[in-house]
Amino acid sequence: MTTVNTYTEHPMSDYRSLLGDGVQLVDVREPEEVATGTLPDAVNIPLGELPVRASELAADRRVVLFCRSGGRSAQAAEYLIARGFGDVIDLAGGMLAHQK
Protein backbone atom coordinates (compact mmCIF):
# COMPACT_ATOMS: atom_id res chain seq x y z
CA MET A 1 0.00 0.00 0.00
CA THR A 2 1.08 3.55 -0.75
CA THR A 3 -0.37 6.57 1.03
CA VAL A 4 -1.21 9.43 -1.33
CA ASN A 5 -2.66 12.75 -0.09
CA THR A 6 -4.04 11.07 3.04
CA TYR A 7 -5.83 8.31 1.16
CA THR A 8 -4.22 4.99 0.36
CA GLU A 9 -3.59 3.30 -2.99
CA HIS A 10 -3.81 -0.47 -2.96
CA PRO A 11 -3.25 -2.93 -5.83
CA MET A 12 -6.47 -4.05 -7.51
CA SER A 13 -5.04 -7.57 -7.69
CA ASP A 14 -5.27 -7.79 -3.90
CA TYR A 15 -8.60 -5.99 -3.34
CA ARG A 16 -10.14 -8.97 -1.52
CA SER A 17 -7.76 -8.45 1.41
CA LEU A 18 -9.47 -5.10 2.10
CA LEU A 19 -12.98 -6.46 2.31
CA GLY A 20 -14.74 -7.36 5.52
CA ASP A 21 -17.47 -6.19 7.87
CA GLY A 22 -18.47 -2.63 7.26
CA VAL A 23 -16.32 -2.01 4.17
CA GLN A 24 -18.02 0.13 1.54
CA LEU A 25 -16.93 -0.92 -1.96
CA VAL A 26 -17.79 1.82 -4.47
CA ASP A 27 -17.56 1.73 -8.27
CA VAL A 28 -17.39 5.36 -9.46
CA ARG A 29 -17.82 4.55 -13.17
CA GLU A 30 -20.90 5.45 -15.19
CA PRO A 31 -23.82 2.95 -15.19
CA GLU A 32 -23.15 1.87 -18.77
CA GLU A 33 -19.58 0.96 -17.79
CA VAL A 34 -20.77 -0.94 -14.72
CA ALA A 35 -23.17 -2.90 -16.93
CA THR A 36 -20.13 -4.54 -18.55
CA GLY A 37 -19.04 -5.95 -15.17
CA THR A 38 -18.05 -4.85 -11.69
CA LEU A 39 -16.76 -6.33 -8.43
CA PRO A 40 -19.12 -8.37 -6.25
CA ASP A 41 -21.05 -6.30 -3.69
CA ALA A 42 -19.91 -2.97 -5.16
CA VAL A 43 -22.29 -0.01 -5.04
CA ASN A 44 -22.34 2.26 -8.09
CA ILE A 45 -22.00 5.96 -7.32
CA PRO A 46 -20.69 7.67 -10.48
CA LEU A 47 -18.05 10.32 -9.80
CA GLY A 48 -20.33 13.09 -11.08
CA GLU A 49 -23.02 12.08 -8.59
CA LEU A 50 -20.68 11.85 -5.59
CA PRO A 51 -21.33 15.40 -4.33
CA VAL A 52 -25.06 14.65 -3.95
CA ARG A 53 -24.72 10.99 -2.95
CA ALA A 54 -21.76 11.05 -0.53
CA SER A 55 -24.29 11.00 2.32
CA GLU A 56 -25.06 7.39 1.31
CA LEU A 57 -21.59 6.48 2.64
CA ALA A 58 -20.60 6.33 6.30
CA ALA A 59 -17.60 8.57 6.98
CA ASP A 60 -16.52 6.41 9.93
CA ARG A 61 -16.21 3.21 7.86
CA ARG A 62 -13.60 2.19 5.29
CA VAL A 63 -14.42 3.21 1.71
CA VAL A 64 -12.73 1.32 -1.14
CA LEU A 65 -13.05 3.05 -4.51
CA PHE A 66 -12.40 1.91 -8.07
CA CYS A 67 -13.11 2.92 -11.64
CA ARG A 68 -11.84 1.89 -15.08
CA SER A 69 -8.18 2.83 -14.71
CA GLY A 70 -7.77 4.67 -11.40
CA GLY A 71 -8.16 8.33 -12.33
CA ARG A 72 -11.77 8.89 -11.31
CA SER A 73 -11.44 6.83 -8.15
CA ALA A 74 -8.42 8.95 -7.11
CA GLN A 75 -10.56 12.07 -7.60
CA ALA A 76 -13.34 10.48 -5.55
CA ALA A 77 -10.84 9.59 -2.80
CA GLU A 78 -9.61 13.18 -2.63
CA TYR A 79 -13.21 14.43 -2.50
CA LEU A 80 -14.13 12.10 0.39
CA ILE A 81 -10.96 12.84 2.38
CA ALA A 82 -11.68 16.58 2.05
CA ARG A 83 -15.11 15.92 3.54
CA GLY A 84 -13.89 14.11 6.63
CA PHE A 85 -13.80 10.47 5.58
CA GLY A 86 -10.94 8.87 7.49
CA ASP A 87 -10.23 5.50 5.84
CA VAL A 88 -10.32 5.82 2.05
CA ILE A 89 -8.58 3.43 -0.32
CA ASP A 90 -8.19 3.76 -4.10
CA LEU A 91 -7.72 0.52 -6.03
CA ALA A 92 -4.78 1.30 -8.32
CA GLY A 93 -5.31 0.49 -11.98
CA GLY A 94 -9.05 -0.02 -11.63
CA MET A 95 -10.97 -2.59 -13.62
CA LEU A 96 -8.29 -2.65 -16.31
CA ALA A 97 -5.88 -4.08 -13.72
CA HIS A 98 -8.52 -6.52 -12.50
CA GLN A 99 -9.03 -7.95 -15.98
CA LYS A 100 -5.33 -8.83 -16.42
PDB file of N, CA and C in Angstrom:
ATOM      1  N   MET A   1       0.831  -1.193   0.000  1.00  0.00           N
ATOM      2  CA  MET A   1       0.000   0.000   0.000  1.00  0.00           C
ATOM      3  C   MET A   1       0.868   1.247   0.000  1.00  0.00           C
ATOM      4  N   THR A   2       0.396   2.261  -0.694  1.00  0.00           N
ATOM      5  CA  THR A   2       1.082   3.547  -0.751  1.00  0.00           C
ATOM      6  C   THR A   2       0.108   4.629  -0.325  1.00  0.00           C
ATOM      7  N   THR A   3       0.497   5.480   0.609  1.00  0.00           N
ATOM      8  CA  THR A   3      -0.371   6.570   1.028  1.00  0.00           C
ATOM      9  C   THR A   3      -0.151   7.757   0.107  1.00  0.00           C
ATOM     10  N   VAL A   4      -1.254   8.311  -0.415  1.00  0.00           N
ATOM     11  CA  VAL A   4      -1.206   9.433  -1.334  1.00  0.00           C
ATOM     12  C   VAL A   4      -2.220  10.466  -0.859  1.00  0.00           C
ATOM     13  N   ASN A   5      -1.752  11.675  -0.493  1.00  0.00           N
ATOM     14  CA  ASN A   5      -2.656  12.751  -0.093  1.00  0.00           C
ATOM     15  C   ASN A   5      -3.674  12.314   0.960  1.00  0.00           C
ATOM     16  N   THR A   6      -3.248  11.566   1.911  1.00  0.00           N
ATOM     17  CA  THR A   6      -4.041  11.068   3.036  1.00  0.00           C
ATOM     18  C   THR A   6      -5.050   9.974   2.688  1.00  0.00           C
ATOM     19  N   TYR A   7      -5.106   9.545   1.449  1.00  0.00           N
ATOM     20  CA  TYR A   7      -5.829   8.312   1.155  1.00  0.00           C
ATOM     21  C   TYR A   7      -4.779   7.292   0.746  1.00  0.00           C
ATOM     22  N   THR A   8      -5.170   6.048   0.636  1.00  0.00           N
ATOM     23  CA  THR A   8      -4.224   4.986   0.355  1.00  0.00           C
ATOM     24  C   THR A   8      -4.511   4.368  -1.007  1.00  0.00           C
ATOM     25  N   GLU A   9      -3.457   4.078  -1.758  1.00  0.00           N
ATOM     26  CA  GLU A   9      -3.589   3.297  -2.990  1.00  0.00           C
ATOM     27  C   GLU A   9      -3.246   1.858  -2.660  1.00  0.00           C
ATOM     28  N   HIS A  10      -4.018   0.958  -3.212  1.00  0.00           N
ATOM     29  CA  HIS A  10      -3.815  -0.472  -2.965  1.00  0.00           C
ATOM     30  C   HIS A  10      -3.947  -1.188  -4.307  1.00  0.00           C
ATOM     31  N   PRO A  11      -3.158  -2.226  -4.544  1.00  0.00           N
ATOM     32  CA  PRO A  11      -3.250  -2.931  -5.831  1.00  0.00           C
ATOM     33  C   PRO A  11      -4.610  -3.611  -6.022  1.00  0.00           C
ATOM     34  N   MET A  12      -5.188  -3.412  -7.182  1.00  0.00           N
ATOM     35  CA  MET A  12      -6.466  -4.053  -7.507  1.00  0.00           C
ATOM     36  C   MET A  12      -6.359  -5.569  -7.391  1.00  0.00           C
ATOM     37  N   SER A  13      -5.212  -6.119  -7.722  1.00  0.00           N
ATOM     38  CA  SER A  13      -5.036  -7.572  -7.694  1.00  0.00           C
ATOM     39  C   SER A  13      -5.230  -8.162  -6.301  1.00  0.00           C
ATOM     40  N   ASP A  14      -5.145  -7.328  -5.279  1.00  0.00           N
ATOM     41  CA  ASP A  14      -5.274  -7.789  -3.899  1.00  0.00           C
ATOM     42  C   ASP A  14      -6.470  -7.139  -3.188  1.00  0.00           C
ATOM     43  N   TYR A  15      -7.484  -6.716  -3.945  1.00  0.00           N
ATOM     44  CA  TYR A  15      -8.601  -5.989  -3.340  1.00  0.00           C
ATOM     45  C   TYR A  15      -9.348  -6.811  -2.293  1.00  0.00           C
ATOM     46  N   ARG A  16      -9.380  -8.119  -2.456  1.00  0.00           N
ATOM     47  CA  ARG A  16     -10.138  -8.968  -1.516  1.00  0.00           C
ATOM     48  C   ARG A  16      -9.614  -8.855  -0.084  1.00  0.00           C
ATOM     49  N   SER A  17      -8.327  -8.557   0.066  1.00  0.00           N
ATOM     50  CA  SER A  17      -7.757  -8.449   1.414  1.00  0.00           C
ATOM     51  C   SER A  17      -8.309  -7.240   2.171  1.00  0.00           C
ATOM     52  N   LEU A  18      -8.923  -6.308   1.466  1.00  0.00           N
ATOM     53  CA  LEU A  18      -9.470  -5.102   2.096  1.00  0.00           C
ATOM     54  C   LEU A  18     -10.907  -5.273   2.552  1.00  0.00           C
ATOM     55  N   LEU A  19     -11.563  -6.296   2.052  1.00  0.00           N
ATOM     56  CA  LEU A  19     -12.981  -6.461   2.314  1.00  0.00           C
ATOM     57  C   LEU A  19     -13.229  -7.105   3.666  1.00  0.00           C
ATOM     58  N   GLY A  20     -14.358  -6.808   4.229  1.00  0.00           N
ATOM     59  CA  GLY A  20     -14.743  -7.356   5.515  1.00  0.00           C
ATOM     60  C   GLY A  20     -15.943  -6.590   6.035  1.00  0.00           C
ATOM     61  N   ASP A  21     -16.301  -6.850   7.273  1.00  0.00           N
ATOM     62  CA  ASP A  21     -17.465  -6.194   7.866  1.00  0.00           C
ATOM     63  C   ASP A  21     -17.363  -4.683   7.783  1.00  0.00           C
ATOM     64  N   GLY A  22     -18.392  -4.072   7.273  1.00  0.00           N
ATOM     65  CA  GLY A  22     -18.475  -2.625   7.256  1.00  0.00           C
ATOM     66  C   GLY A  22     -17.759  -1.924   6.123  1.00  0.00           C
ATOM     67  N   VAL A  23     -17.042  -2.650   5.275  1.00  0.00           N
ATOM     68  CA  VAL A  23     -16.322  -2.007   4.167  1.00  0.00           C
ATOM     69  C   VAL A  23     -17.319  -1.614   3.085  1.00  0.00           C
ATOM     70  N   GLN A  24     -17.170  -0.392   2.600  1.00  0.00           N
ATOM     71  CA  GLN A  24     -18.023   0.134   1.542  1.00  0.00           C
ATOM     72  C   GLN A  24     -17.234   0.113   0.237  1.00  0.00           C
ATOM     73  N   LEU A  25     -17.609  -0.763  -0.673  1.00  0.00           N
ATOM     74  CA  LEU A  25     -16.929  -0.918  -1.955  1.00  0.00           C
ATOM     75  C   LEU A  25     -17.721  -0.120  -2.995  1.00  0.00           C
ATOM     76  N   VAL A  26     -17.080   0.888  -3.596  1.00  0.00           N
ATOM     77  CA  VAL A  26     -17.792   1.820  -4.468  1.00  0.00           C
ATOM     78  C   VAL A  26     -17.146   1.882  -5.848  1.00  0.00           C
ATOM     79  N   ASP A  27     -17.952   1.608  -6.871  1.00  0.00           N
ATOM     80  CA  ASP A  27     -17.563   1.727  -8.267  1.00  0.00           C
ATOM     81  C   ASP A  27     -17.999   3.114  -8.732  1.00  0.00           C
ATOM     82  N   VAL A  28     -17.059   3.980  -9.081  1.00  0.00           N
ATOM     83  CA  VAL A  28     -17.393   5.359  -9.461  1.00  0.00           C
ATOM     84  C   VAL A  28     -17.533   5.547 -10.974  1.00  0.00           C
ATOM     85  N   ARG A  29     -17.614   4.453 -11.716  1.00  0.00           N
ATOM     86  CA  ARG A  29     -17.815   4.546 -13.168  1.00  0.00           C
ATOM     87  C   ARG A  29     -19.282   4.855 -13.483  1.00  0.00           C
ATOM     88  N   GLU A  30     -19.543   5.185 -14.724  1.00  0.00           N
ATOM     89  CA  GLU A  30     -20.897   5.452 -15.194  1.00  0.00           C
ATOM     90  C   GLU A  30     -21.678   4.130 -15.295  1.00  0.00           C
ATOM     91  N   PRO A  31     -23.020   4.184 -15.155  1.00  0.00           N
ATOM     92  CA  PRO A  31     -23.825   2.948 -15.187  1.00  0.00           C
ATOM     93  C   PRO A  31     -23.589   2.067 -16.407  1.00  0.00           C
ATOM     94  N   GLU A  32     -23.379   2.690 -17.579  1.00  0.00           N
ATOM     95  CA  GLU A  32     -23.153   1.868 -18.775  1.00  0.00           C
ATOM     96  C   GLU A  32     -21.826   1.121 -18.706  1.00  0.00           C
ATOM     97  N   GLU A  33     -20.853   1.662 -17.997  1.00  0.00           N
ATOM     98  CA  GLU A  33     -19.581   0.963 -17.792  1.00  0.00           C
ATOM     99  C   GLU A  33     -19.768  -0.184 -16.804  1.00  0.00           C
ATOM    100  N   VAL A  34     -20.513   0.073 -15.752  1.00  0.00           N
ATOM    101  CA  VAL A  34     -20.772  -0.942 -14.721  1.00  0.00           C
ATOM    102  C   VAL A  34     -21.534  -2.121 -15.317  1.00  0.00           C
ATOM    103  N   ALA A  35     -22.388  -1.844 -16.294  1.00  0.00           N
ATOM    104  CA  ALA A  35     -23.169  -2.901 -16.935  1.00  0.00           C
ATOM    105  C   ALA A  35     -22.283  -3.944 -17.600  1.00  0.00           C
ATOM    106  N   THR A  36     -21.042  -3.593 -17.934  1.00  0.00           N
ATOM    107  CA  THR A  36     -20.130  -4.544 -18.555  1.00  0.00           C
ATOM    108  C   THR A  36     -19.433  -5.434 -17.529  1.00  0.00           C
ATOM    109  N   GLY A  37     -19.625  -5.139 -16.237  1.00  0.00           N
ATOM    110  CA  GLY A  37     -19.038  -5.949 -15.168  1.00  0.00           C
ATOM    111  C   GLY A  37     -18.455  -5.080 -14.075  1.00  0.00           C
ATOM    112  N   THR A  38     -18.576  -5.562 -12.850  1.00  0.00           N
ATOM    113  CA  THR A  38     -18.047  -4.851 -11.692  1.00  0.00           C
ATOM    114  C   THR A  38     -17.613  -5.874 -10.651  1.00  0.00           C
ATOM    115  N   LEU A  39     -17.159  -5.422  -9.506  1.00  0.00           N
ATOM    116  CA  LEU A  39     -16.756  -6.329  -8.430  1.00  0.00           C
ATOM    117  C   LEU A  39     -17.972  -6.719  -7.608  1.00  0.00           C
ATOM    118  N   PRO A  40     -17.992  -7.939  -7.066  1.00  0.00           N
ATOM    119  CA  PRO A  40     -19.117  -8.371  -6.247  1.00  0.00           C
ATOM    120  C   PRO A  40     -19.345  -7.423  -5.067  1.00  0.00           C
ATOM    121  N   ASP A  41     -20.608  -7.126  -4.819  1.00  0.00           N
ATOM    122  CA  ASP A  41     -21.053  -6.298  -3.690  1.00  0.00           C
ATOM    123  C   ASP A  41     -20.691  -4.822  -3.806  1.00  0.00           C
ATOM    124  N   ALA A  42     -20.228  -4.388  -4.968  1.00  0.00           N
ATOM    125  CA  ALA A  42     -19.907  -2.965  -5.157  1.00  0.00           C
ATOM    126  C   ALA A  42     -21.192  -2.173  -5.375  1.00  0.00           C
ATOM    127  N   VAL A  43     -21.212  -0.968  -4.830  1.00  0.00           N
ATOM    128  CA  VAL A  43     -22.294  -0.011  -5.041  1.00  0.00           C
ATOM    129  C   VAL A  43     -21.823   0.962  -6.109  1.00  0.00           C
ATOM    130  N   ASN A  44     -22.709   1.318  -7.031  1.00  0.00           N
ATOM    131  CA  ASN A  44     -22.341   2.259  -8.085  1.00  0.00           C
ATOM    132  C   ASN A  44     -22.764   3.672  -7.701  1.00  0.00           C
ATOM    133  N   ILE A  45     -21.770   4.528  -7.497  1.00  0.00           N
ATOM    134  CA  ILE A  45     -21.997   5.961  -7.317  1.00  0.00           C
ATOM    135  C   ILE A  45     -21.049   6.652  -8.298  1.00  0.00           C
ATOM    136  N   PRO A  46     -21.553   7.017  -9.491  1.00  0.00           N
ATOM    137  CA  PRO A  46     -20.687   7.671 -10.478  1.00  0.00           C
ATOM    138  C   PRO A  46     -20.023   8.920  -9.898  1.00  0.00           C
ATOM    139  N   LEU A  47     -18.805   9.187 -10.325  1.00  0.00           N
ATOM    140  CA  LEU A  47     -18.047  10.317  -9.802  1.00  0.00           C
ATOM    141  C   LEU A  47     -18.854  11.612  -9.852  1.00  0.00           C
ATOM    142  N   GLY A  48     -19.549  11.866 -10.943  1.00  0.00           N
ATOM    143  CA  GLY A  48     -20.328  13.094 -11.085  1.00  0.00           C
ATOM    144  C   GLY A  48     -21.475  13.212 -10.100  1.00  0.00           C
ATOM    145  N   GLU A  49     -21.931  12.081  -9.556  1.00  0.00           N
ATOM    146  CA  GLU A  49     -23.024  12.080  -8.586  1.00  0.00           C
ATOM    147  C   GLU A  49     -22.516  12.099  -7.142  1.00  0.00           C
ATOM    148  N   LEU A  50     -21.228  11.940  -6.949  1.00  0.00           N
ATOM    149  CA  LEU A  50     -20.680  11.849  -5.595  1.00  0.00           C
ATOM    150  C   LEU A  50     -21.037  13.042  -4.712  1.00  0.00           C
ATOM    151  N   PRO A  51     -20.979  14.277  -5.210  1.00  0.00           N
ATOM    152  CA  PRO A  51     -21.333  15.398  -4.333  1.00  0.00           C
ATOM    153  C   PRO A  51     -22.741  15.307  -3.744  1.00  0.00           C
ATOM    154  N   VAL A  52     -23.691  14.754  -4.474  1.00  0.00           N
ATOM    155  CA  VAL A  52     -25.056  14.651  -3.949  1.00  0.00           C
ATOM    156  C   VAL A  52     -25.343  13.303  -3.300  1.00  0.00           C
ATOM    157  N   ARG A  53     -24.473  12.329  -3.501  1.00  0.00           N
ATOM    158  CA  ARG A  53     -24.715  10.994  -2.948  1.00  0.00           C
ATOM    159  C   ARG A  53     -23.721  10.567  -1.881  1.00  0.00           C
ATOM    160  N   ALA A  54     -22.755  11.408  -1.548  1.00  0.00           N
ATOM    161  CA  ALA A  54     -21.760  11.052  -0.527  1.00  0.00           C
ATOM    162  C   ALA A  54     -22.422  10.716   0.810  1.00  0.00           C
ATOM    163  N   SER A  55     -23.578  11.275   1.065  1.00  0.00           N
ATOM    164  CA  SER A  55     -24.287  10.998   2.319  1.00  0.00           C
ATOM    165  C   SER A  55     -24.746   9.538   2.407  1.00  0.00           C
ATOM    166  N   GLU A  56     -24.723   8.813   1.299  1.00  0.00           N
ATOM    167  CA  GLU A  56     -25.061   7.388   1.307  1.00  0.00           C
ATOM    168  C   GLU A  56     -23.929   6.554   1.926  1.00  0.00           C
ATOM    169  N   LEU A  57     -22.765   7.167   2.079  1.00  0.00           N
ATOM    170  CA  LEU A  57     -21.592   6.484   2.635  1.00  0.00           C
ATOM    171  C   LEU A  57     -21.365   6.932   4.069  1.00  0.00           C
ATOM    172  N   ALA A  58     -20.914   6.009   4.908  1.00  0.00           N
ATOM    173  CA  ALA A  58     -20.599   6.329   6.299  1.00  0.00           C
ATOM    174  C   ALA A  58     -19.149   6.780   6.405  1.00  0.00           C
ATOM    175  N   ALA A  59     -18.945   7.994   6.895  1.00  0.00           N
ATOM    176  CA  ALA A  59     -17.604   8.571   6.984  1.00  0.00           C
ATOM    177  C   ALA A  59     -16.716   7.855   7.984  1.00  0.00           C
ATOM    178  N   ASP A  60     -17.301   7.102   8.894  1.00  0.00           N
ATOM    179  CA  ASP A  60     -16.515   6.411   9.926  1.00  0.00           C
ATOM    180  C   ASP A  60     -16.206   4.958   9.566  1.00  0.00           C
ATOM    181  N   ARG A  61     -16.526   4.564   8.334  1.00  0.00           N
ATOM    182  CA  ARG A  61     -16.212   3.212   7.864  1.00  0.00           C
ATOM    183  C   ARG A  61     -15.297   3.296   6.648  1.00  0.00           C
ATOM    184  N   ARG A  62     -14.521   2.248   6.436  1.00  0.00           N
ATOM    185  CA  ARG A  62     -13.605   2.192   5.287  1.00  0.00           C
ATOM    186  C   ARG A  62     -14.393   2.282   3.979  1.00  0.00           C
ATOM    187  N   VAL A  63     -13.865   3.096   3.056  1.00  0.00           N
ATOM    188  CA  VAL A  63     -14.418   3.208   1.709  1.00  0.00           C
ATOM    189  C   VAL A  63     -13.328   2.780   0.729  1.00  0.00           C
ATOM    190  N   VAL A  64     -13.648   1.800  -0.113  1.00  0.00           N
ATOM    191  CA  VAL A  64     -12.729   1.318  -1.136  1.00  0.00           C
ATOM    192  C   VAL A  64     -13.326   1.705  -2.487  1.00  0.00           C
ATOM    193  N   LEU A  65     -12.573   2.483  -3.249  1.00  0.00           N
ATOM    194  CA  LEU A  65     -13.050   3.048  -4.507  1.00  0.00           C
ATOM    195  C   LEU A  65     -12.321   2.453  -5.707  1.00  0.00           C
ATOM    196  N   PHE A  66     -13.045   2.329  -6.819  1.00  0.00           N
ATOM    197  CA  PHE A  66     -12.398   1.915  -8.065  1.00  0.00           C
ATOM    198  C   PHE A  66     -13.183   2.452  -9.248  1.00  0.00           C
ATOM    199  N   CYS A  67     -12.503   2.480 -10.390  1.00  0.00           N
ATOM    200  CA  CYS A  67     -13.113   2.923 -11.643  1.00  0.00           C
ATOM    201  C   CYS A  67     -12.514   2.071 -12.770  1.00  0.00           C
ATOM    202  N   ARG A  68     -12.401   2.648 -13.946  1.00  0.00           N
ATOM    203  CA  ARG A  68     -11.843   1.894 -15.078  1.00  0.00           C
ATOM    204  C   ARG A  68     -10.336   1.752 -14.965  1.00  0.00           C
ATOM    205  N   SER A  69      -9.638   2.885 -14.724  1.00  0.00           N
ATOM    206  CA  SER A  69      -8.179   2.830 -14.713  1.00  0.00           C
ATOM    207  C   SER A  69      -7.530   3.447 -13.477  1.00  0.00           C
ATOM    208  N   GLY A  70      -8.305   4.091 -12.635  1.00  0.00           N
ATOM    209  CA  GLY A  70      -7.774   4.666 -11.400  1.00  0.00           C
ATOM    210  C   GLY A  70      -7.862   6.167 -11.282  1.00  0.00           C
ATOM    211  N   GLY A  71      -8.108   6.871 -12.369  1.00  0.00           N
ATOM    212  CA  GLY A  71      -8.160   8.328 -12.333  1.00  0.00           C
ATOM    213  C   GLY A  71      -9.364   8.878 -11.599  1.00  0.00           C
ATOM    214  N   ARG A  72     -10.544   8.393 -11.966  1.00  0.00           N
ATOM    215  CA  ARG A  72     -11.766   8.894 -11.314  1.00  0.00           C
ATOM    216  C   ARG A  72     -11.837   8.474  -9.855  1.00  0.00           C
ATOM    217  N   SER A  73     -11.385   7.270  -9.551  1.00  0.00           N
ATOM    218  CA  SER A  73     -11.438   6.833  -8.150  1.00  0.00           C
ATOM    219  C   SER A  73     -10.469   7.646  -7.291  1.00  0.00           C
ATOM    220  N   ALA A  74      -9.347   8.073  -7.852  1.00  0.00           N
ATOM    221  CA  ALA A  74      -8.424   8.945  -7.114  1.00  0.00           C
ATOM    222  C   ALA A  74      -9.087  10.290  -6.835  1.00  0.00           C
ATOM    223  N   GLN A  75      -9.821  10.822  -7.811  1.00  0.00           N
ATOM    224  CA  GLN A  75     -10.556  12.074  -7.599  1.00  0.00           C
ATOM    225  C   GLN A  75     -11.620  11.895  -6.513  1.00  0.00           C
ATOM    226  N   ALA A  76     -12.311  10.762  -6.561  1.00  0.00           N
ATOM    227  CA  ALA A  76     -13.336  10.479  -5.550  1.00  0.00           C
ATOM    228  C   ALA A  76     -12.704  10.361  -4.166  1.00  0.00           C
ATOM    229  N   ALA A  77     -11.537   9.733  -4.085  1.00  0.00           N
ATOM    230  CA  ALA A  77     -10.835   9.588  -2.803  1.00  0.00           C
ATOM    231  C   ALA A  77     -10.481  10.957  -2.237  1.00  0.00           C
ATOM    232  N   GLU A  78      -9.951  11.832  -3.075  1.00  0.00           N
ATOM    233  CA  GLU A  78      -9.612  13.183  -2.630  1.00  0.00           C
ATOM    234  C   GLU A  78     -10.850  13.926  -2.148  1.00  0.00           C
ATOM    235  N   TYR A  79     -11.953  13.776  -2.862  1.00  0.00           N
ATOM    236  CA  TYR A  79     -13.210  14.428  -2.495  1.00  0.00           C
ATOM    237  C   TYR A  79     -13.669  13.961  -1.110  1.00  0.00           C
ATOM    238  N   LEU A  80     -13.661  12.633  -0.892  1.00  0.00           N
ATOM    239  CA  LEU A  80     -14.128  12.098   0.389  1.00  0.00           C
ATOM    240  C   LEU A  80     -13.209  12.492   1.544  1.00  0.00           C
ATOM    241  N   ILE A  81     -11.916  12.434   1.331  1.00  0.00           N
ATOM    242  CA  ILE A  81     -10.962  12.839   2.380  1.00  0.00           C
ATOM    243  C   ILE A  81     -11.211  14.293   2.770  1.00  0.00           C
ATOM    244  N   ALA A  82     -11.440  15.150   1.787  1.00  0.00           N
ATOM    245  CA  ALA A  82     -11.678  16.577   2.052  1.00  0.00           C
ATOM    246  C   ALA A  82     -12.968  16.801   2.836  1.00  0.00           C
ATOM    247  N   ARG A  83     -13.854  15.806   2.830  1.00  0.00           N
ATOM    248  CA  ARG A  83     -15.113  15.919   3.541  1.00  0.00           C
ATOM    249  C   ARG A  83     -15.146  15.102   4.826  1.00  0.00           C
ATOM    250  N   GLY A  84     -13.973  14.722   5.307  1.00  0.00           N
ATOM    251  CA  GLY A  84     -13.890  14.111   6.628  1.00  0.00           C
ATOM    252  C   GLY A  84     -13.899  12.601   6.693  1.00  0.00           C
ATOM    253  N   PHE A  85     -13.879  11.930   5.549  1.00  0.00           N
ATOM    254  CA  PHE A  85     -13.798  10.475   5.578  1.00  0.00           C
ATOM    255  C   PHE A  85     -12.375  10.102   5.999  1.00  0.00           C
ATOM    256  N   GLY A  86     -12.244   9.155   6.922  1.00  0.00           N
ATOM    257  CA  GLY A  86     -10.940   8.872   7.486  1.00  0.00           C
ATOM    258  C   GLY A  86     -10.177   7.706   6.882  1.00  0.00           C
ATOM    259  N   ASP A  87     -10.881   6.721   6.345  1.00  0.00           N
ATOM    260  CA  ASP A  87     -10.235   5.505   5.842  1.00  0.00           C
ATOM    261  C   ASP A  87     -10.691   5.286   4.404  1.00  0.00           C
ATOM    262  N   VAL A  88      -9.955   5.880   3.466  1.00  0.00           N
ATOM    263  CA  VAL A  88     -10.321   5.822   2.050  1.00  0.00           C
ATOM    264  C   VAL A  88      -9.191   5.165   1.278  1.00  0.00           C
ATOM    265  N   ILE A  89      -9.555   4.178   0.459  1.00  0.00           N
ATOM    266  CA  ILE A  89      -8.577   3.430  -0.320  1.00  0.00           C
ATOM    267  C   ILE A  89      -8.980   3.453  -1.787  1.00  0.00           C
ATOM    268  N   ASP A  90      -8.012   3.747  -2.652  1.00  0.00           N
ATOM    269  CA  ASP A  90      -8.193   3.758  -4.096  1.00  0.00           C
ATOM    270  C   ASP A  90      -7.529   2.508  -4.662  1.00  0.00           C
ATOM    271  N   LEU A  91      -8.284   1.723  -5.410  1.00  0.00           N
ATOM    272  CA  LEU A  91      -7.716   0.520  -6.027  1.00  0.00           C
ATOM    273  C   LEU A  91      -6.977   0.914  -7.301  1.00  0.00           C
ATOM    274  N   ALA A  92      -5.659   0.865  -7.235  1.00  0.00           N
ATOM    275  CA  ALA A  92      -4.784   1.304  -8.319  1.00  0.00           C
ATOM    276  C   ALA A  92      -5.010   0.471  -9.580  1.00  0.00           C
ATOM    277  N   GLY A  93      -5.154   1.172 -10.696  1.00  0.00           N
ATOM    278  CA  GLY A  93      -5.307   0.486 -11.985  1.00  0.00           C
ATOM    279  C   GLY A  93      -6.734   0.137 -12.341  1.00  0.00           C
ATOM    280  N   GLY A  94      -7.631   0.212 -11.382  1.00  0.00           N
ATOM    281  CA  GLY A  94      -9.047  -0.018 -11.630  1.00  0.00           C
ATOM    282  C   GLY A  94      -9.370  -1.352 -12.288  1.00  0.00           C
ATOM    283  N   MET A  95     -10.496  -1.363 -12.985  1.00  0.00           N
ATOM    284  CA  MET A  95     -10.965  -2.590 -13.616  1.00  0.00           C
ATOM    285  C   MET A  95     -10.021  -3.088 -14.708  1.00  0.00           C
ATOM    286  N   LEU A  96      -9.258  -2.199 -15.309  1.00  0.00           N
ATOM    287  CA  LEU A  96      -8.287  -2.651 -16.312  1.00  0.00           C
ATOM    288  C   LEU A  96      -7.259  -3.568 -15.657  1.00  0.00           C
ATOM    289  N   ALA A  97      -6.831  -3.239 -14.453  1.00  0.00           N
ATOM    290  CA  ALA A  97      -5.877  -4.078 -13.720  1.00  0.00           C
ATOM    291  C   ALA A  97      -6.528  -5.372 -13.261  1.00  0.00           C
ATOM    292  N   HIS A  98      -7.798  -5.326 -12.961  1.00  0.00           N
ATOM    293  CA  HIS A  98      -8.518  -6.516 -12.503  1.00  0.00           C
ATOM    294  C   HIS A  98      -8.668  -7.536 -13.625  1.00  0.00           C
ATOM    295  N   GLN A  99      -8.794  -7.077 -14.841  1.00  0.00           N
ATOM    296  CA  GLN A  99      -9.027  -7.953 -15.984  1.00  0.00           C
ATOM    297  C   GLN A  99      -7.756  -8.639 -16.464  1.00  0.00           C
ATOM    298  N   LYS A 100      -6.588  -8.227 -15.974  1.00  0.00           N
ATOM    299  CA  LYS A 100      -5.327  -8.829 -16.418  1.00  0.00           C
ATOM    300  C   LYS A 100      -5.134 -10.201 -15.846  1.00  0.00           C
TER     301      LYS A 100
END
